[in-house]
Amino acid sequence: MKKLLYNISILLFIVSCIDKTNQVKELGGNAFGTTYSLQFYSENDFNIEKGIDSVIYMVNKSVSTYQVNSDISKINRGDSAIIVDKIFKDVFLISEEVYHKTNGYFDPTIGVLRNAYGFGEVKPLQNLDSKTLDSLLRFVGFQKVKLTSENKIIKMYPQIYLDFNAVAKGYGIDCIGRYLENKGINNYLIELGGEILAKGKNLSLEKAWEVGIEAIDSKLENRTYNTTIALYNIGMASSGNYRKFRIDSITGKKYVHTINPITGSAEKSDVTSATVLAPTCALADAYATAFMAMGIEESIKVLDNLHHIDAYLTYNDASNAQQIFITKGFKKILLD
């Protein structure tokens, strides 16, 4: 039986070719607190790195909670006069769509919980009992935030803390993809922090881009892969709690990075990893996060009602044995 980890690593199959148009170009750098790698085909030479840096800057300036002067940080501090830009509006509307389609399991207002558990920019609360969680849940619920026709954000409570980190990275990858296409680059593969956007094909092999899915027991210093898949004009993202967790230094309790916005819990559901395919990386990013929180039964129900979204979910059954659920669309791209 195959297991997955939230983090996807790319296996690139590149062959050299005399024809310049079929020679892959490569670029790497830092973005959104992680690294990215880009493989693309282009006959033209231009400063692509500068363009990508500009895209990253604009996304961070709008929706990064790690930037103290970003629009979202100012809004979280109570500035109601901010007129949000197109980036913020896009991310807000994507989040609103996924929030409704996942019955509230994807919720960017979990920021107050994220901070309380120690996954944010402030020290964690030392007492996280049921009474404290109930009080914090008052400030959770995406329906408590509105985007006005004047492109301003209204919060029902000033304590509401918006956190788009579970969708903004994917959206940023989509923005980089649009930048490349505006430069006439239509065959490319972007990997950023384990998320992928594949467009066109691998011209060196004249077929779809092939990527590997990392095994759940893979080591950071010696990564191993269970299977490869073919990607063509699609976004892909994964989520999991294998390496993303925090252990309280006083109580010794383990808190996972995925937070259930319904219960306020930062404990594992039965889904151990979620790998999602979607038309955009932003959607794949958001749904992967939601499936981790909602568990296998709810995830399957939601997937049954979604179009153009496919998933590869690993989960623990009632006897704690690792199992796998794969949608029909995902099965079609498996190469082994």
C-alpha atoms as a PDB file:
ATOM      1  CA  MET A   1       0.000   0.000   0.000  1.00  0.00           C
ATOM      2  CA  LYS A   2       1.270   3.469  -0.874  1.00  0.00           C
ATOM      3  CA  LYS A   3       1.550   6.352   1.533  1.00  0.00           C
ATOM      4  CA  LEU A   4       1.802  10.076   0.891  1.00  0.00           C
ATOM      5  CA  LEU A   5       3.300  13.047   2.640  1.00  0.00           C
ATOM      6  CA  TYR A   6       1.936  16.578   2.411  1.00  0.00           C
ATOM      7  CA  ASN A   7       5.147  17.726   0.804  1.00  0.00           C
ATOM      8  CA  ILE A   8       5.536  16.997  -2.894  1.00  0.00           C
ATOM      9  CA  SER A   9       8.961  16.913  -4.484  1.00  0.00           C
ATOM     10  CA  ILE A  10       9.511  17.030  -8.183  1.00  0.00           C
ATOM     11  CA  LEU A  11      11.162  14.328 -10.224  1.00  0.00           C
ATOM     12  CA  LEU A  12      12.215  15.946 -13.439  1.00  0.00           C
ATOM     13  CA  PHE A  13      12.882  13.876 -16.490  1.00  0.00           C
ATOM     14  CA  ILE A  14      14.874  16.124 -18.770  1.00  0.00           C
ATOM     15  CA  VAL A  15      16.860  15.169 -21.821  1.00  0.00           C
ATOM     16  CA  SER A  16      19.150  17.462 -23.762  1.00  0.00           C
ATOM     17  CA  CYS A  17      18.214  18.382 -27.267  1.00  0.00           C
ATOM     18  CA  ILE A  18      20.071  20.186 -30.019  1.00  0.00           C
ATOM     19  CA  ASP A  19      17.036  22.251 -30.988  1.00  0.00           C
ATOM     20  CA  LYS A  20      17.107  25.392 -28.816  1.00  0.00           C
ATOM     21  CA  THR A  21      13.319  25.479 -28.562  1.00  0.00           C
ATOM     22  CA  ASN A  22      13.424  22.067 -26.909  1.00  0.00           C
ATOM     23  CA  GLN A  23      16.083  22.911 -24.350  1.00  0.00           C
ATOM     24  CA  VAL A  24      14.645  23.363 -20.896  1.00  0.00           C
ATOM     25  CA  LYS A  25      15.679  26.417 -18.903  1.00  0.00           C
ATOM     26  CA  GLU A  26      15.836  26.351 -15.136  1.00  0.00           C
ATOM     27  CA  LEU A  27      15.547  28.980 -12.433  1.00  0.00           C
ATOM     28  CA  GLY A  28      15.314  28.846  -8.652  1.00  0.00           C
ATOM     29  CA  GLY A  29      14.909  31.286  -5.797  1.00  0.00           C
ATOM     30  CA  ASN A  30      13.147  32.197  -2.564  1.00  0.00           C
ATOM     31  CA  ALA A  31       9.478  33.064  -2.214  1.00  0.00           C
ATOM     32  CA  PHE A  32       6.787  33.142   0.480  1.00  0.00           C
ATOM     33  CA  GLY A  33       9.129  31.844   3.173  1.00  0.00           C
ATOM     34  CA  THR A  34      10.241  28.855   1.127  1.00  0.00           C
ATOM     35  CA  THR A  35      11.965  28.111  -2.183  1.00  0.00           C
ATOM     36  CA  TYR A  36      10.798  27.739  -5.747  1.00  0.00           C
ATOM     37  CA  SER A  37      12.102  26.057  -8.867  1.00  0.00           C
ATOM     38  CA  LEU A  38      11.020  26.751 -12.409  1.00  0.00           C
ATOM     39  CA  GLN A  39      11.527  24.771 -15.605  1.00  0.00           C
ATOM     40  CA  PHE A  40      10.368  26.394 -18.829  1.00  0.00           C
ATOM     41  CA  TYR A  41      10.878  26.624 -22.559  1.00  0.00           C
ATOM     42  CA  SER A  42      11.500  29.951 -24.291  1.00  0.00           C
ATOM     43  CA  GLU A  43      13.425  31.140 -27.304  1.00  0.00           C
ATOM     44  CA  ASN A  44      13.669  34.653 -25.856  1.00  0.00           C
ATOM     45  CA  ASP A  45      16.106  35.886 -23.224  1.00  0.00           C
ATOM     46  CA  PHE A  46      14.867  38.370 -20.625  1.00  0.00           C
ATOM     47  CA  ASN A  47      15.205  39.013 -16.903  1.00  0.00           C
ATOM     48  CA  ILE A  48      12.577  36.538 -15.799  1.00  0.00           C
ATOM     49  CA  GLU A  49      13.858  36.462 -12.205  1.00  0.00           C
ATOM     50  CA  LYS A  50      13.231  40.194 -11.784  1.00  0.00           C
ATOM     51  CA  GLY A  51       9.681  39.749 -13.041  1.00  0.00           C
ATOM     52  CA  ILE A  52       9.000  36.869 -10.658  1.00  0.00           C
ATOM     53  CA  ASP A  53      10.438  38.863  -7.737  1.00  0.00           C
ATOM     54  CA  SER A  54       8.019  41.675  -8.596  1.00  0.00           C
ATOM     55  CA  VAL A  55       5.061  39.269  -8.552  1.00  0.00           C
ATOM     56  CA  ILE A  56       6.143  37.855  -5.197  1.00  0.00           C
ATOM     57  CA  TYR A  57       6.525  41.357  -3.763  1.00  0.00           C
ATOM     58  CA  MET A  58       3.004  42.374  -4.813  1.00  0.00           C
ATOM     59  CA  VAL A  59       1.411  39.233  -3.347  1.00  0.00           C
ATOM     60  CA  ASN A  60       3.283  39.668  -0.061  1.00  0.00           C
ATOM     61  CA  LYS A  61       2.361  43.348   0.103  1.00  0.00           C
ATOM     62  CA  SER A  62      -1.300  42.438  -0.161  1.00  0.00           C
ATOM     63  CA  VAL A  63      -1.949  39.193   1.741  1.00  0.00           C
ATOM     64  CA  SER A  64       1.117  38.140   3.746  1.00  0.00           C
ATOM     65  CA  THR A  65       0.588  38.053   7.509  1.00  0.00           C
ATOM     66  CA  TYR A  66       4.377  37.851   7.863  1.00  0.00           C
ATOM     67  CA  GLN A  67       4.766  41.378   6.432  1.00  0.00           C
ATOM     68  CA  VAL A  68       3.892  43.925   9.126  1.00  0.00           C
ATOM     69  CA  ASN A  69       2.997  46.588   6.575  1.00  0.00           C
ATOM     70  CA  SER A  70       0.940  44.379   4.254  1.00  0.00           C
ATOM     71  CA  ASP A  71      -2.710  45.226   3.699  1.00  0.00           C
ATOM     72  CA  ILE A  72      -3.871  42.134   5.564  1.00  0.00           C
ATOM     73  CA  SER A  73      -1.662  42.938   8.566  1.00  0.00           C
ATOM     74  CA  LYS A  74      -3.046  46.470   8.719  1.00  0.00           C
ATOM     75  CA  ILE A  75      -6.600  45.122   8.506  1.00  0.00           C
ATOM     76  CA  ASN A  76      -5.855  42.623  11.265  1.00  0.00           C
ATOM     77  CA  ARG A  77      -4.647  45.509  13.431  1.00  0.00           C
ATOM     78  CA  GLY A  78      -7.978  47.255  12.919  1.00  0.00           C
ATOM     79  CA  ASP A  79      -7.405  49.595   9.976  1.00  0.00           C
ATOM     80  CA  SER A  80     -10.835  49.739   8.293  1.00  0.00           C
ATOM     81  CA  ALA A  81      -9.829  52.407   5.764  1.00  0.00           C
ATOM     82  CA  ILE A  82      -7.687  50.076   3.644  1.00  0.00           C
ATOM     83  CA  ILE A  83      -8.918  49.749   0.062  1.00  0.00           C
ATOM     84  CA  VAL A  84      -7.800  46.286  -0.945  1.00  0.00           C
ATOM     85  CA  ASP A  85      -6.227  45.554  -4.324  1.00  0.00           C
ATOM     86  CA  LYS A  86      -7.119  42.951  -6.942  1.00  0.00           C
ATOM     87  CA  ILE A  87      -4.858  40.352  -5.318  1.00  0.00           C
ATOM     88  CA  PHE A  88      -6.632  40.649  -1.972  1.00  0.00           C
ATOM     89  CA  LYS A  89     -10.039  40.646  -3.626  1.00  0.00           C
ATOM     90  CA  ASP A  90      -9.221  37.547  -5.689  1.00  0.00           C
ATOM     91  CA  VAL A  91      -7.928  35.652  -2.653  1.00  0.00           C
ATOM     92  CA  PHE A  92     -10.949  36.721  -0.599  1.00  0.00           C
ATOM     93  CA  LEU A  93     -13.427  35.537  -3.256  1.00  0.00           C
ATOM     94  CA  ILE A  94     -11.596  32.210  -3.775  1.00  0.00           C
ATOM     95  CA  SER A  95     -11.656  31.683  -0.018  1.00  0.00           C
ATOM     96  CA  GLU A  96     -15.357  32.523   0.154  1.00  0.00           C
ATOM     97  CA  GLU A  97     -16.126  29.972  -2.568  1.00  0.00           C
ATOM     98  CA  VAL A  98     -14.156  27.169  -0.888  1.00  0.00           C
ATOM     99  CA  TYR A  99     -15.541  28.114   2.535  1.00  0.00           C
ATOM    100  CA  HIS A 100     -19.092  27.490   1.306  1.00  0.00           C
ATOM    101  CA  LYS A 101     -18.292  24.363  -0.721  1.00  0.00           C
ATOM    102  CA  THR A 102     -16.477  22.731   2.222  1.00  0.00           C
ATOM    103  CA  ASN A 103     -19.224  23.608   4.708  1.00  0.00           C
ATOM    104  CA  GLY A 104     -16.931  25.936   6.613  1.00  0.00           C
ATOM    105  CA  TYR A 105     -13.937  23.618   6.946  1.00  0.00           C
ATOM    106  CA  PHE A 106     -11.812  26.033   4.948  1.00  0.00           C
ATOM    107  CA  ASP A 107     -11.901  29.258   6.909  1.00  0.00           C
ATOM    108  CA  PRO A 108      -9.351  32.111   6.721  1.00  0.00           C
ATOM    109  CA  THR A 109     -10.613  33.539  10.022  1.00  0.00           C
ATOM    110  CA  ILE A 110      -8.812  30.783  11.959  1.00  0.00           C
ATOM    111  CA  GLY A 111      -5.943  33.242  12.442  1.00  0.00           C
ATOM    112  CA  VAL A 112      -6.903  33.813  16.074  1.00  0.00           C
ATOM    113  CA  LEU A 113      -6.682  30.041  16.666  1.00  0.00           C
ATOM    114  CA  ARG A 114      -3.448  29.724  14.684  1.00  0.00           C
ATOM    115  CA  ASN A 115      -1.872  32.363  16.905  1.00  0.00           C
ATOM    116  CA  ALA A 116      -3.245  30.767  20.069  1.00  0.00           C
ATOM    117  CA  TYR A 117      -1.664  27.412  19.176  1.00  0.00           C
ATOM    118  CA  GLY A 118       1.712  28.988  18.447  1.00  0.00           C
ATOM    119  CA  PHE A 119       1.710  28.752  14.653  1.00  0.00           C
ATOM    120  CA  GLY A 120       1.520  32.498  14.123  1.00  0.00           C
ATOM    121  CA  GLU A 121       3.580  35.568  14.900  1.00  0.00           C
ATOM    122  CA  VAL A 122       2.831  35.720  18.641  1.00  0.00           C
ATOM    123  CA  LYS A 123       3.524  33.480  21.633  1.00  0.00           C
ATOM    124  CA  PRO A 124       0.980  30.651  22.138  1.00  0.00           C
ATOM    125  CA  LEU A 125      -1.579  30.788  24.916  1.00  0.00           C
ATOM    126  CA  GLN A 126      -0.539  28.667  27.885  1.00  0.00           C
ATOM    127  CA  ASN A 127      -4.085  27.660  28.807  1.00  0.00           C
ATOM    128  CA  LEU A 128      -6.056  26.244  25.885  1.00  0.00           C
ATOM    129  CA  ASP A 129      -8.938  24.548  27.655  1.00  0.00           C
ATOM    130  CA  SER A 130     -12.459  24.157  26.263  1.00  0.00           C
ATOM    131  CA  LYS A 131     -13.602  27.439  27.798  1.00  0.00           C
ATOM    132  CA  THR A 132     -10.764  29.348  26.133  1.00  0.00           C
ATOM    133  CA  LEU A 133     -11.442  27.687  22.784  1.00  0.00           C
ATOM    134  CA  ASP A 134     -15.139  28.558  23.008  1.00  0.00           C
ATOM    135  CA  SER A 135     -14.250  32.213  23.569  1.00  0.00           C
ATOM    136  CA  LEU A 136     -11.853  32.204  20.608  1.00  0.00           C
ATOM    137  CA  LEU A 137     -14.386  30.527  18.313  1.00  0.00           C
ATOM    138  CA  ARG A 138     -16.550  33.627  18.683  1.00  0.00           C
ATOM    139  CA  PHE A 139     -14.028  35.312  16.370  1.00  0.00           C
ATOM    140  CA  VAL A 140     -13.973  32.493  13.814  1.00  0.00           C
ATOM    141  CA  GLY A 141     -16.337  32.269  10.852  1.00  0.00           C
ATOM    142  CA  PHE A 142     -15.778  33.682   7.384  1.00  0.00           C
ATOM    143  CA  GLN A 143     -19.405  34.823   7.251  1.00  0.00           C
ATOM    144  CA  LYS A 144     -18.402  37.388   9.893  1.00  0.00           C
ATOM    145  CA  VAL A 145     -16.222  39.242   7.380  1.00  0.00           C
ATOM    146  CA  LYS A 146     -17.512  41.232   4.409  1.00  0.00           C
ATOM    147  CA  LEU A 147     -15.894  42.692   1.289  1.00  0.00           C
ATOM    148  CA  THR A 148     -17.766  45.869   0.450  1.00  0.00           C
ATOM    149  CA  SER A 149     -18.476  47.307  -2.997  1.00  0.00           C
ATOM    150  CA  GLU A 150     -15.828  49.942  -2.161  1.00  0.00           C
ATOM    151  CA  ASN A 151     -13.276  47.104  -1.722  1.00  0.00           C
ATOM    152  CA  LYS A 152     -12.991  47.581   2.014  1.00  0.00           C
ATOM    153  CA  ILE A 153     -13.101  44.857   4.666  1.00  0.00           C
ATOM    154  CA  ILE A 154     -15.677  44.943   7.446  1.00  0.00           C
ATOM    155  CA  LYS A 155     -15.236  42.599  10.425  1.00  0.00           C
ATOM    156  CA  MET A 156     -18.046  41.741  12.818  1.00  0.00           C
ATOM    157  CA  TYR A 157     -15.516  41.735  15.653  1.00  0.00           C
ATOM    158  CA  PRO A 158     -12.219  43.658  15.730  1.00  0.00           C
ATOM    159  CA  GLN A 159     -10.496  40.544  17.139  1.00  0.00           C
ATOM    160  CA  ILE A 160     -11.064  38.599  13.905  1.00  0.00           C
ATOM    161  CA  TYR A 161      -7.693  37.784  12.397  1.00  0.00           C
ATOM    162  CA  LEU A 162      -7.602  37.005   8.688  1.00  0.00           C
ATOM    163  CA  ASP A 163      -5.082  34.402   7.580  1.00  0.00           C
ATOM    164  CA  PHE A 164      -4.889  33.563   3.868  1.00  0.00           C
ATOM    165  CA  ASN A 165      -1.728  31.470   4.174  1.00  0.00           C
ATOM    166  CA  ALA A 166      -3.577  28.296   3.122  1.00  0.00           C
ATOM    167  CA  VAL A 167      -4.478  29.833  -0.242  1.00  0.00           C
ATOM    168  CA  ALA A 168      -2.105  32.765  -0.827  1.00  0.00           C
ATOM    169  CA  LYS A 169       0.907  30.638  -1.723  1.00  0.00           C
ATOM    170  CA  GLY A 170      -1.102  28.778  -4.333  1.00  0.00           C
ATOM    171  CA  TYR A 171      -2.475  32.064  -5.634  1.00  0.00           C
ATOM    172  CA  GLY A 172       1.069  33.421  -5.837  1.00  0.00           C
ATOM    173  CA  ILE A 173       2.092  30.470  -7.994  1.00  0.00           C
ATOM    174  CA  ASP A 174      -0.855  31.174 -10.285  1.00  0.00           C
ATOM    175  CA  CYS A 175       0.313  34.798 -10.551  1.00  0.00           C
ATOM    176  CA  ILE A 176       3.808  33.664 -11.537  1.00  0.00           C
ATOM    177  CA  GLY A 177       2.233  31.410 -14.150  1.00  0.00           C
ATOM    178  CA  ARG A 178       0.244  34.314 -15.608  1.00  0.00           C
ATOM    179  CA  TYR A 179       3.403  36.415 -15.724  1.00  0.00           C
ATOM    180  CA  LEU A 180       5.198  33.699 -17.689  1.00  0.00           C
ATOM    181  CA  GLU A 181       2.315  33.364 -20.137  1.00  0.00           C
ATOM    182  CA  ASN A 182       2.260  37.133 -20.672  1.00  0.00           C
ATOM    183  CA  LYS A 183       5.902  36.753 -21.716  1.00  0.00           C
ATOM    184  CA  GLY A 184       4.959  34.108 -24.256  1.00  0.00           C
ATOM    185  CA  ILE A 185       6.010  31.123 -22.137  1.00  0.00           C
ATOM    186  CA  ASN A 186       3.342  28.443 -22.388  1.00  0.00           C
ATOM    187  CA  ASN A 187       5.294  25.302 -21.450  1.00  0.00           C
ATOM    188  CA  TYR A 188       6.495  25.434 -17.870  1.00  0.00           C
ATOM    189  CA  LEU A 189       6.534  23.706 -14.493  1.00  0.00           C
ATOM    190  CA  ILE A 190       6.594  25.720 -11.259  1.00  0.00           C
ATOM    191  CA  GLU A 191       7.267  24.098  -7.895  1.00  0.00           C
ATOM    192  CA  LEU A 192       7.019  26.317  -4.831  1.00  0.00           C
ATOM    193  CA  GLY A 193       7.091  24.912  -1.328  1.00  0.00           C
ATOM    194  CA  GLY A 194       5.834  21.544  -2.591  1.00  0.00           C
ATOM    195  CA  GLU A 195       3.001  22.985  -4.672  1.00  0.00           C
ATOM    196  CA  ILE A 196       2.989  22.715  -8.441  1.00  0.00           C
ATOM    197  CA  LEU A 197       1.586  24.460 -11.483  1.00  0.00           C
ATOM    198  CA  ALA A 198       2.101  22.636 -14.780  1.00  0.00           C
ATOM    199  CA  LYS A 199       1.252  24.195 -18.135  1.00  0.00           C
ATOM    200  CA  GLY A 200       1.831  22.893 -21.627  1.00  0.00           C
ATOM    201  CA  LYS A 201       4.206  19.960 -21.723  1.00  0.00           C
ATOM    202  CA  ASN A 202       7.784  18.806 -21.401  1.00  0.00           C
ATOM    203  CA  LEU A 203       8.955  19.622 -24.916  1.00  0.00           C
ATOM    204  CA  SER A 204      12.137  17.606 -24.463  1.00  0.00           C
ATOM    205  CA  LEU A 205      10.075  14.436 -24.195  1.00  0.00           C
ATOM    206  CA  GLU A 206       6.994  15.661 -26.051  1.00  0.00           C
ATOM    207  CA  LYS A 207       4.666  14.599 -23.245  1.00  0.00           C
ATOM    208  CA  ALA A 208       3.113  15.857 -20.046  1.00  0.00           C
ATOM    209  CA  TRP A 209       5.261  16.963 -17.140  1.00  0.00           C
ATOM    210  CA  GLU A 210       6.011  14.092 -14.758  1.00  0.00           C
ATOM    211  CA  VAL A 211       6.367  14.614 -11.030  1.00  0.00           C
ATOM    212  CA  GLY A 212       6.980  12.304  -8.100  1.00  0.00           C
ATOM    213  CA  ILE A 213       4.946  12.012  -4.903  1.00  0.00           C
ATOM    214  CA  GLU A 214       7.065  11.690  -1.798  1.00  0.00           C
ATOM    215  CA  ALA A 215       6.553   8.768   0.569  1.00  0.00           C
ATOM    216  CA  ILE A 216       5.288   9.482   4.071  1.00  0.00           C
ATOM    217  CA  ASP A 217       8.378   7.866   5.609  1.00  0.00           C
ATOM    218  CA  SER A 218      10.733   9.796   3.343  1.00  0.00           C
ATOM    219  CA  LYS A 219      13.669  11.450   5.115  1.00  0.00           C
ATOM    220  CA  LEU A 220      14.570  15.082   4.555  1.00  0.00           C
ATOM    221  CA  GLU A 221      18.162  14.132   3.810  1.00  0.00           C
ATOM    222  CA  ASN A 222      17.236  11.177   1.581  1.00  0.00           C
ATOM    223  CA  ARG A 223      13.866  11.618  -0.090  1.00  0.00           C
ATOM    224  CA  THR A 224      12.045   8.619  -1.546  1.00  0.00           C
ATOM    225  CA  TYR A 225       9.056   8.467  -3.877  1.00  0.00           C
ATOM    226  CA  ASN A 226       6.173   6.062  -4.210  1.00  0.00           C
ATOM    227  CA  THR A 227       4.674   6.988  -7.536  1.00  0.00           C
ATOM    228  CA  THR A 228       4.826   9.414 -10.433  1.00  0.00           C
ATOM    229  CA  ILE A 229       1.993  11.267 -12.114  1.00  0.00           C
ATOM    230  CA  ALA A 230       1.509  13.169 -15.359  1.00  0.00           C
ATOM    231  CA  LEU A 231       0.414  16.789 -15.106  1.00  0.00           C
ATOM    232  CA  TYR A 232      -0.936  18.876 -17.969  1.00  0.00           C
ATOM    233  CA  ASN A 233      -2.465  22.338 -17.500  1.00  0.00           C
ATOM    234  CA  ILE A 234      -3.284  21.826 -13.843  1.00  0.00           C
ATOM    235  CA  GLY A 235      -2.439  22.969 -10.323  1.00  0.00           C
ATOM    236  CA  MET A 236      -1.472  20.573  -7.567  1.00  0.00           C
ATOM    237  CA  ALA A 237      -1.085  21.013  -3.822  1.00  0.00           C
ATOM    238  CA  SER A 238      -0.679  18.807  -0.784  1.00  0.00           C
ATOM    239  CA  SER A 239      -1.262  19.146   2.924  1.00  0.00           C
ATOM    240  CA  GLY A 240      -0.362  16.954   5.886  1.00  0.00           C
ATOM    241  CA  ASN A 241       0.858  16.928   9.458  1.00  0.00           C
ATOM    242  CA  TYR A 242       3.801  14.554   9.233  1.00  0.00           C
ATOM    243  CA  ARG A 243       6.390  17.298   9.748  1.00  0.00           C
ATOM    244  CA  LYS A 244       4.181  20.297  10.554  1.00  0.00           C
ATOM    245  CA  PHE A 245       3.466  20.248  14.271  1.00  0.00           C
ATOM    246  CA  ARG A 246       4.430  21.876  17.559  1.00  0.00           C
ATOM    247  CA  ILE A 247       4.949  20.243  20.957  1.00  0.00           C
ATOM    248  CA  ASP A 248       4.101  22.385  23.975  1.00  0.00           C
ATOM    249  CA  SER A 249       7.245  22.746  26.084  1.00  0.00           C
ATOM    250  CA  ILE A 250       5.256  22.684  29.341  1.00  0.00           C
ATOM    251  CA  THR A 251       2.481  20.137  28.795  1.00  0.00           C
ATOM    252  CA  GLY A 252       4.214  18.021  26.139  1.00  0.00           C
ATOM    253  CA  LYS A 253       1.004  18.031  24.096  1.00  0.00           C
ATOM    254  CA  LYS A 254       1.372  17.802  20.314  1.00  0.00           C
ATOM    255  CA  TYR A 255      -0.484  20.325  18.167  1.00  0.00           C
ATOM    256  CA  VAL A 256      -0.680  19.796  14.410  1.00  0.00           C
ATOM    257  CA  HIS A 257      -0.597  22.640  11.900  1.00  0.00           C
ATOM    258  CA  THR A 258      -4.052  21.910  10.460  1.00  0.00           C
ATOM    259  CA  ILE A 259      -6.735  23.517  12.614  1.00  0.00           C
ATOM    260  CA  ASN A 260     -10.385  22.469  12.562  1.00  0.00           C
ATOM    261  CA  PRO A 261     -12.334  25.760  12.289  1.00  0.00           C
ATOM    262  CA  ILE A 262     -15.554  24.078  13.443  1.00  0.00           C
ATOM    263  CA  THR A 263     -14.249  22.736  16.763  1.00  0.00           C
ATOM    264  CA  GLY A 264     -11.136  24.870  17.168  1.00  0.00           C
ATOM    265  CA  SER A 265      -9.053  21.720  17.582  1.00  0.00           C
ATOM    266  CA  ALA A 266      -5.442  21.441  16.391  1.00  0.00           C
ATOM    267  CA  GLU A 267      -5.435  17.671  16.572  1.00  0.00           C
ATOM    268  CA  LYS A 268      -5.214  15.124  13.763  1.00  0.00           C
ATOM    269  CA  SER A 269      -8.262  14.006  11.831  1.00  0.00           C
ATOM    270  CA  ASP A 270      -8.203  10.535  10.282  1.00  0.00           C
ATOM    271  CA  VAL A 271      -6.872  12.026   7.007  1.00  0.00           C
ATOM    272  CA  THR A 272      -3.087  11.830   7.126  1.00  0.00           C
ATOM    273  CA  SER A 273      -2.350  13.547   3.814  1.00  0.00           C
ATOM    274  CA  ALA A 274      -4.274  15.233   1.030  1.00  0.00           C
ATOM    275  CA  THR A 275      -2.999  15.797  -2.486  1.00  0.00           C
ATOM    276  CA  VAL A 276      -5.373  17.789  -4.668  1.00  0.00           C
ATOM    277  CA  LEU A 277      -5.606  18.598  -8.380  1.00  0.00           C
ATOM    278  CA  ALA A 278      -7.480  21.716  -9.472  1.00  0.00           C
ATOM    279  CA  PRO A 279      -7.617  24.183 -12.356  1.00  0.00           C
ATOM    280  CA  THR A 280      -5.540  26.597 -10.255  1.00  0.00           C
ATOM    281  CA  CYS A 281      -2.979  26.208  -7.502  1.00  0.00           C
ATOM    282  CA  ALA A 282      -5.027  28.486  -5.260  1.00  0.00           C
ATOM    283  CA  LEU A 283      -7.999  26.121  -5.352  1.00  0.00           C
ATOM    284  CA  ALA A 284      -5.789  23.052  -4.913  1.00  0.00           C
ATOM    285  CA  ASP A 285      -4.105  24.710  -1.932  1.00  0.00           C
ATOM    286  CA  ALA A 286      -7.375  25.592  -0.227  1.00  0.00           C
ATOM    287  CA  TYR A 287      -9.087  22.234  -0.749  1.00  0.00           C
ATOM    288  CA  ALA A 288      -6.036  20.276   0.441  1.00  0.00           C
ATOM    289  CA  THR A 289      -6.155  22.207   3.720  1.00  0.00           C
ATOM    290  CA  ALA A 290      -9.898  21.643   4.088  1.00  0.00           C
ATOM    291  CA  PHE A 291      -9.702  17.879   3.507  1.00  0.00           C
ATOM    292  CA  MET A 292      -7.089  17.541   6.246  1.00  0.00           C
ATOM    293  CA  ALA A 293      -9.454  19.155   8.740  1.00  0.00           C
ATOM    294  CA  MET A 294     -12.758  17.536   7.765  1.00  0.00           C
ATOM    295  CA  GLY A 295     -11.730  13.869   7.780  1.00  0.00           C
ATOM    296  CA  ILE A 296     -12.261  11.147   5.196  1.00  0.00           C
ATOM    297  CA  GLU A 297     -16.063  10.762   5.261  1.00  0.00           C
ATOM    298  CA  GLU A 298     -16.810  14.449   4.865  1.00  0.00           C
ATOM    299  CA  SER A 299     -14.029  14.818   2.304  1.00  0.00           C
ATOM    300  CA  ILE A 300     -15.510  12.119   0.077  1.00  0.00           C
ATOM    301  CA  LYS A 301     -18.965  13.724   0.325  1.00  0.00           C
ATOM    302  CA  VAL A 302     -17.574  17.104  -0.670  1.00  0.00           C
ATOM    303  CA  LEU A 303     -15.542  15.633  -3.540  1.00  0.00           C
ATOM    304  CA  ASP A 304     -18.666  13.963  -4.923  1.00  0.00           C
ATOM    305  CA  ASN A 305     -20.175  17.421  -5.424  1.00  0.00           C
ATOM    306  CA  LEU A 306     -17.108  19.162  -6.836  1.00  0.00           C
ATOM    307  CA  HIS A 307     -16.308  19.568 -10.513  1.00  0.00           C
ATOM    308  CA  HIS A 308     -12.721  19.686 -11.799  1.00  0.00           C
ATOM    309  CA  ILE A 309     -11.312  18.862  -8.347  1.00  0.00           C
ATOM    310  CA  ASP A 310      -9.593  15.510  -7.773  1.00  0.00           C
ATOM    311  CA  ALA A 311      -7.788  14.145  -4.764  1.00  0.00           C
ATOM    312  CA  TYR A 312      -5.518  11.432  -3.443  1.00  0.00           C
ATOM    313  CA  LEU A 313      -6.194  11.048   0.290  1.00  0.00           C
ATOM    314  CA  THR A 314      -4.482   8.790   2.777  1.00  0.00           C
ATOM    315  CA  TYR A 315      -6.233   8.092   6.055  1.00  0.00           C
ATOM    316  CA  ASN A 316      -6.334   5.813   9.078  1.00  0.00           C
ATOM    317  CA  ASP A 317      -9.306   3.466   9.342  1.00  0.00           C
ATOM    318  CA  ALA A 318     -11.035   2.354  12.574  1.00  0.00           C
ATOM    319  CA  SER A 319      -8.212  -0.079  13.340  1.00  0.00           C
ATOM    320  CA  ASN A 320      -5.618   2.662  12.670  1.00  0.00           C
ATOM    321  CA  ALA A 321      -4.448   0.965   9.472  1.00  0.00           C
ATOM    322  CA  GLN A 322      -3.352   3.252   6.651  1.00  0.00           C
ATOM    323  CA  GLN A 323      -5.806   3.356   3.748  1.00  0.00           C
ATOM    324  CA  ILE A 324      -6.106   5.340   0.545  1.00  0.00           C
ATOM    325  CA  PHE A 325      -8.898   7.034  -1.368  1.00  0.00           C
ATOM    326  CA  ILE A 326      -8.360   8.159  -4.962  1.00  0.00           C
ATOM    327  CA  THR A 327     -10.860   9.943  -7.176  1.00  0.00           C
ATOM    328  CA  LYS A 328     -11.362   8.702 -10.719  1.00  0.00           C
ATOM    329  CA  GLY A 329      -9.716  11.763 -12.216  1.00  0.00           C
ATOM    330  CA  PHE A 330      -6.588  11.286 -10.129  1.00  0.00           C
ATOM    331  CA  LYS A 331      -6.347   7.628 -11.081  1.00  0.00           C
ATOM    332  CA  LYS A 332      -6.147   8.586 -14.743  1.00  0.00           C
ATOM    333  CA  ILE A 333      -2.828  10.412 -14.302  1.00  0.00           C
ATOM    334  CA  LEU A 334      -1.027   7.785 -12.221  1.00  0.00           C
ATOM    335  CA  LEU A 335       1.973   6.424 -14.118  1.00  0.00           C
ATOM    336  CA  ASP A 336       2.811   3.518 -11.794  1.00  0.00           C
END
